[in-house]
Amino acid sequence: MQIDKSAHVHPKAELAADVVVGPCCVIGPDVKIGPGTVLENNVTVAGHTTLGANNRIFPHAVLGEPPQDLKYRGAPTRLVVGDKNVIRECVTLNTGTELGGGVTTVGSNNFLMACSHVAHDCILGDHIIFANCVLLGGHVKVESHAKVMGLVGVNPFATVGQHVYVGGLTRIVQDVPPYMIFEGNPGKVHQVNVIGLQRAGFTDAQVAALEEAHRVIFRCKVLNRNKAIDEMERQGNLTAEVQNLIAFLRAMQRGKSGRARQPH
């Protein structure tokens, strides 16, 4: 274990044998850090926080401090981070709240760029990229392989679907359907994220099916969205991706203000 002499590591903290803790880092008593993880310098890891293996945390990141929620009363809520994440300068990850399930979760192989914020009770999947200053409100879910560009703000309880591309400066107030390019203030669906899907290994047939679904659901001038979805389901023979898109949109419609995760 390599711990700089200027770092403060609480005796009760549990660190794997090869963890690297750089200058002026602070690690609290209820922290667990897995093998191969590196804390560069001036990193704070507090609260009931668990970091997996081979994460790299850059200067002035703050992980595991209490949620910024006026209802929070000091319960021992948690932050759980998976493996092989890159967490850049000044990123903040808060613990959960009792009302939100008690845990904030970050998956594996994510790249969170400088000054991004993951609020209480958020759920992040795997292989996600946040550019600088992506700001998540509480209870937000970001599905795997999402790419969110800089200075994007996400409303509490919103869901960002898998394999989406969210353009910079977008304001997200409702759920973002999977596989799409989403931009604007407020944000809206523009087209299928063709390049992103191709890079992720989707076949031409899978992409074409999503493009047809996009045309029918989002561009149709004759049917409203609900009727367009009904017509697609009636015709049948839908790919797994189109079925997932439809299920996402149905859940979005059932939610409050276009957010499936927000209770009524």
Foldseek 3Di string as FASTA:
>chain_A
DAADPQEAADPQEAEDPAEHHAHHEYEENQEYEEEQEYEHYQEYADANEYHYHNEYEEHQEYEAAAFPDPPADDPRAYEYEYHAEYHYHNEYEYGAGPVLPRGAYHYHQEYEYHNEYHGHNEAEYHCEYEAYHEYEDANEYEYHCEYEYEPEYADHLEYEAHLEYEDYPEYHDAHHFPQFYWYDDPIDTDAGPVVSCVVVPDDPVLRVLVRVLCCQQPVDPPDHNVVSLVVDVVVDPHDPSSVSRSVLQVLLVVAPPSRNRHHD
